[in-house]
Amino acid sequence: MTQGHNTVLVFAKAPIPGKVNTRLQPTLSQQQCAVLQQHFIQRSLTTACNLDHTNIELWCTPDTSHPFFSSCAAQFPIQLRQQHGLDLGERMHHALQQTLQTSDSAVLMGTDCPGIDTAYLTQAFTQLSEGDDLVLGPALDGGYVMIGARKTDWLLFKDIHWGSAKVLEQTRQRITTLQMRCTELEPLQDIDTQEDLDALRQDSEFKHLLQNLTGTC
């Protein structure tokens, strides 16, 4: 990569039964949750790869060795990276810090938010190109589904109550402290709970997938 490129970092857990989407149990079995995770990852990569002139990296945990990650690397024009850090904050900061050494702008996204589309990512990169230091994609549950950056700071991620409804507000406070210029995009819903899963059934694509899952697994 050369300076001036944009990079999307897709953060993903390996689709290991019992390790992913655990809050969707027992409505879905462990195996069904793993299949759903695979679909989330593939959908996120498809969205990101529709961007022009953008590097796409799949940042994997616990490492890059899972066969599904290898299949993604064969299917999509991406690079595999391993997440490093004791918690989500450390892992996100490390990934952004590494990426911004070789890219002007980076957008880090999770995989459990179907509302993130190519237009949403394009809007994030546009804001960064126009001078914002950060761009946030708020989640309806009080977290965020995406963060874009031209620069990063450990304070943005240190001692945040990850997984709680406090994440977005705590991050806003850190941004204010750091005097960073930030734009927030439209809030989106991520898929963490049974109620979120019920809402997902209204999406025609996922309605079909969930029908197949519950009918065959």
Protein backbone atom coordinates (compact mmCIF):
# COMPACT_ATOMS: atom_id res chain seq x y z
CA MET A 1 0.00 0.00 0.00
CA THR A 2 1.04 3.57 -0.58
CA GLN A 3 0.23 6.74 1.25
CA GLY A 4 -3.04 8.23 0.05
CA HIS A 5 -5.05 5.02 -0.02
CA ASN A 6 -8.18 4.38 1.95
CA THR A 7 -8.53 1.14 3.88
CA VAL A 8 -11.54 -0.66 5.32
CA LEU A 9 -10.84 -2.85 8.32
CA VAL A 10 -13.49 -5.52 8.84
CA PHE A 11 -13.28 -6.81 12.42
CA ALA A 12 -14.47 -10.39 12.72
CA LYS A 13 -14.55 -13.29 15.14
CA ALA A 14 -13.96 -16.75 13.75
CA PRO A 15 -17.31 -18.54 13.26
CA ILE A 16 -16.74 -21.07 16.03
CA PRO A 17 -19.92 -22.57 17.54
CA GLY A 18 -20.37 -21.38 21.10
CA LYS A 19 -18.03 -18.41 20.61
CA VAL A 20 -20.10 -16.08 18.40
CA ASN A 21 -23.54 -14.46 18.62
CA THR A 22 -24.03 -16.10 22.01
CA ARG A 23 -26.75 -13.63 23.02
CA LEU A 24 -28.92 -15.00 20.21
CA GLN A 25 -29.11 -18.34 21.98
CA PRO A 26 -31.24 -20.31 22.68
CA THR A 27 -33.40 -19.00 19.81
CA LEU A 28 -30.56 -20.13 17.56
CA SER A 29 -28.31 -23.07 18.32
CA GLN A 30 -24.55 -22.66 18.62
CA GLN A 31 -24.14 -24.06 15.12
CA GLN A 32 -26.79 -21.74 13.70
CA CYS A 33 -25.06 -18.77 15.33
CA ALA A 34 -21.81 -19.78 13.65
CA VAL A 35 -23.52 -20.05 10.25
CA LEU A 36 -25.06 -16.62 10.79
CA GLN A 37 -21.61 -15.27 11.64
CA GLN A 38 -20.27 -16.57 8.33
CA HIS A 39 -23.05 -14.79 6.50
CA PHE A 40 -22.42 -11.56 8.41
CA ILE A 41 -18.73 -11.66 7.47
CA GLN A 42 -19.35 -12.44 3.80
CA ARG A 43 -21.96 -9.70 3.55
CA SER A 44 -19.61 -7.17 5.14
CA LEU A 45 -16.77 -8.10 2.78
CA THR A 46 -19.07 -7.89 -0.24
CA THR A 47 -20.12 -4.40 0.83
CA ALA A 48 -16.56 -3.22 1.44
CA CYS A 49 -15.22 -4.71 -1.78
CA ASN A 50 -17.75 -2.70 -3.79
CA LEU A 51 -15.78 0.44 -2.95
CA ASP A 52 -13.40 1.75 -5.59
CA HIS A 53 -9.70 2.33 -4.93
CA THR A 54 -9.89 1.01 -1.38
CA ASN A 55 -7.83 -1.61 0.41
CA ILE A 56 -9.88 -4.19 2.28
CA GLU A 57 -8.47 -6.03 5.29
CA LEU A 58 -10.16 -8.71 7.37
CA TRP A 59 -8.92 -8.42 10.94
CA CYS A 60 -9.42 -11.79 12.56
CA THR A 61 -9.68 -13.11 16.09
CA PRO A 62 -8.45 -15.25 17.71
CA ASP A 63 -6.12 -15.57 14.68
CA THR A 64 -6.19 -15.99 10.90
CA SER A 65 -5.98 -19.78 10.86
CA HIS A 66 -9.69 -20.65 10.73
CA PRO A 67 -10.57 -22.29 7.37
CA PHE A 68 -13.44 -19.86 6.86
CA PHE A 69 -11.02 -16.94 6.89
CA SER A 70 -8.89 -18.71 4.29
CA SER A 71 -11.97 -19.20 2.11
CA CYS A 72 -12.75 -15.48 2.42
CA ALA A 73 -9.23 -14.60 1.29
CA ALA A 74 -9.72 -16.85 -1.73
CA GLN A 75 -13.12 -15.39 -2.55
CA PHE A 76 -12.44 -11.67 -2.02
CA PRO A 77 -9.54 -9.32 -2.87
CA ILE A 78 -8.57 -8.87 0.77
CA GLN A 79 -5.68 -9.28 3.15
CA LEU A 80 -5.95 -11.18 6.43
CA ARG A 81 -4.70 -9.54 9.62
CA GLN A 82 -4.66 -10.79 13.19
CA GLN A 83 -6.14 -8.68 15.97
CA HIS A 84 -3.82 -7.93 18.88
CA GLY A 85 -4.79 -6.69 22.34
CA LEU A 86 -6.35 -7.73 25.62
CA ASP A 87 -9.75 -6.15 24.92
CA LEU A 88 -11.69 -4.68 22.02
CA GLY A 89 -10.32 -1.20 22.65
CA GLU A 90 -6.71 -2.34 22.45
CA ARG A 91 -7.42 -4.37 19.34
CA MET A 92 -9.15 -1.50 17.56
CA HIS A 93 -6.48 1.03 18.46
CA HIS A 94 -3.70 -1.32 17.34
CA ALA A 95 -5.40 -2.00 14.01
CA LEU A 96 -6.05 1.66 13.26
CA GLN A 97 -2.56 2.67 14.35
CA GLN A 98 -0.99 0.07 12.08
CA THR A 99 -3.20 0.91 9.11
CA LEU A 100 -2.74 4.67 9.33
CA GLN A 101 1.00 4.23 8.89
CA THR A 102 0.32 3.37 5.24
CA SER A 103 -3.15 4.82 4.53
CA ASP A 104 -4.45 8.34 4.82
CA SER A 105 -7.83 7.20 6.09
CA ALA A 106 -9.16 4.02 7.68
CA VAL A 107 -12.69 2.89 8.41
CA LEU A 108 -13.12 0.08 10.94
CA MET A 109 -16.42 -1.78 10.92
CA GLY A 110 -17.93 -4.76 12.66
CA THR A 111 -19.85 -7.47 10.87
CA ASP A 112 -23.13 -7.56 12.80
CA CYS A 113 -24.72 -4.43 11.32
CA PRO A 114 -26.51 -5.18 8.03
CA GLY A 115 -27.37 -1.49 7.67
CA ILE A 116 -23.79 -0.62 6.74
CA ASP A 117 -23.80 -0.40 2.96
CA THR A 118 -21.38 0.95 0.38
CA ALA A 119 -22.98 4.40 0.49
CA TYR A 120 -22.49 4.53 4.27
CA LEU A 121 -18.80 3.68 3.95
CA THR A 122 -18.40 6.18 1.11
CA GLN A 123 -19.93 8.89 3.28
CA ALA A 124 -17.44 8.10 6.03
CA PHE A 125 -14.46 8.39 3.70
CA THR A 126 -15.87 11.61 2.23
CA GLN A 127 -16.07 13.20 5.68
CA LEU A 128 -12.49 12.19 6.38
CA SER A 129 -11.28 13.54 3.04
CA GLU A 130 -12.96 16.86 3.85
CA GLY A 131 -10.99 17.25 7.07
CA ASP A 132 -12.69 15.31 9.84
CA ASP A 133 -10.35 13.51 12.21
CA LEU A 134 -13.00 10.89 13.02
CA VAL A 135 -16.33 9.60 11.78
CA LEU A 136 -18.65 7.54 13.95
CA GLY A 137 -21.52 5.30 12.94
CA PRO A 138 -23.69 5.24 16.08
CA ALA A 139 -25.58 2.12 17.06
CA LEU A 140 -29.15 2.36 18.31
CA ASP A 141 -28.16 0.50 21.49
CA GLY A 142 -25.68 3.16 22.62
CA GLY A 143 -22.52 1.82 21.04
CA TYR A 144 -21.15 2.36 17.56
CA VAL A 145 -20.98 0.11 14.50
CA MET A 146 -18.18 1.89 12.66
CA ILE A 147 -15.35 4.31 13.33
CA GLY A 148 -13.38 6.10 10.64
CA ALA A 149 -10.14 7.92 11.34
CA ARG A 150 -7.34 9.97 9.86
CA LYS A 151 -5.51 9.71 13.18
CA THR A 152 -6.02 7.75 16.36
CA ASP A 153 -5.32 8.13 20.06
CA TRP A 154 -5.26 5.49 22.80
CA LEU A 155 -7.60 7.65 24.91
CA LEU A 156 -10.41 6.98 22.42
CA PHE A 157 -10.41 3.32 23.42
CA LYS A 158 -8.91 3.05 26.91
CA ASP A 159 -11.27 1.89 29.70
CA ILE A 160 -14.41 2.14 27.57
CA HIS A 161 -17.24 -0.06 28.86
CA TRP A 162 -17.41 -2.20 25.73
CA GLY A 163 -20.71 -3.96 25.16
CA SER A 164 -22.65 -1.46 27.25
CA ALA A 165 -25.00 1.40 26.38
CA LYS A 166 -22.29 3.83 27.55
CA VAL A 167 -19.85 3.27 24.70
CA LEU A 168 -20.98 6.06 22.38
CA GLU A 169 -21.29 8.70 25.10
CA GLN A 170 -17.93 7.78 26.61
CA THR A 171 -16.35 8.02 23.17
CA ARG A 172 -17.95 11.40 22.56
CA GLN A 173 -16.44 12.65 25.82
CA ARG A 174 -12.99 11.43 24.79
CA ILE A 175 -13.32 13.13 21.40
CA THR A 176 -14.18 16.39 23.13
CA THR A 177 -11.20 16.02 25.47
CA LEU A 178 -8.88 15.40 22.53
CA GLN A 179 -10.42 18.30 20.57
CA MET A 180 -10.81 16.10 17.52
CA ARG A 181 -13.16 17.00 14.70
CA CYS A 182 -15.82 14.30 14.34
CA THR A 183 -18.99 13.71 12.33
CA GLU A 184 -21.64 11.18 13.30
CA LEU A 185 -23.53 9.39 10.56
CA GLU A 186 -27.06 7.98 10.70
CA PRO A 187 -27.58 5.63 13.68
CA LEU A 188 -27.94 1.98 12.71
CA GLN A 189 -29.06 -1.20 14.42
CA ASP A 190 -26.60 -3.96 15.15
CA ILE A 191 -27.65 -7.52 15.86
CA ASP A 192 -26.87 -8.46 19.45
CA THR A 193 -30.09 -9.61 21.11
CA GLN A 194 -33.28 -11.56 20.51
CA GLU A 195 -35.11 -8.28 19.84
CA ASP A 196 -32.52 -7.36 17.22
CA LEU A 197 -32.96 -10.76 15.62
CA ASP A 198 -36.72 -10.19 15.41
CA ALA A 199 -36.07 -6.92 13.60
CA LEU A 200 -33.64 -8.67 11.26
CA ARG A 201 -36.45 -10.94 10.10
CA GLN A 202 -38.00 -7.89 8.42
CA ASP A 203 -35.03 -7.79 6.01
CA SER A 204 -35.95 -10.02 3.05
CA GLU A 205 -32.40 -11.35 2.66
CA PHE A 206 -32.05 -12.33 6.30
CA LYS A 207 -35.63 -13.54 6.58
CA HIS A 208 -34.82 -16.18 3.97
CA LEU A 209 -31.52 -17.05 5.67
CA LEU A 210 -33.12 -17.39 9.10
CA GLN A 211 -35.91 -19.52 7.69
CA ASN A 212 -33.33 -21.83 6.18
CA LEU A 213 -31.33 -21.91 9.39
CA THR A 214 -34.19 -22.76 11.67
CA GLY A 215 -35.55 -25.25 9.18
CA THR A 216 -32.35 -27.17 8.59
CA CYS A 217 -30.11 -26.89 11.66
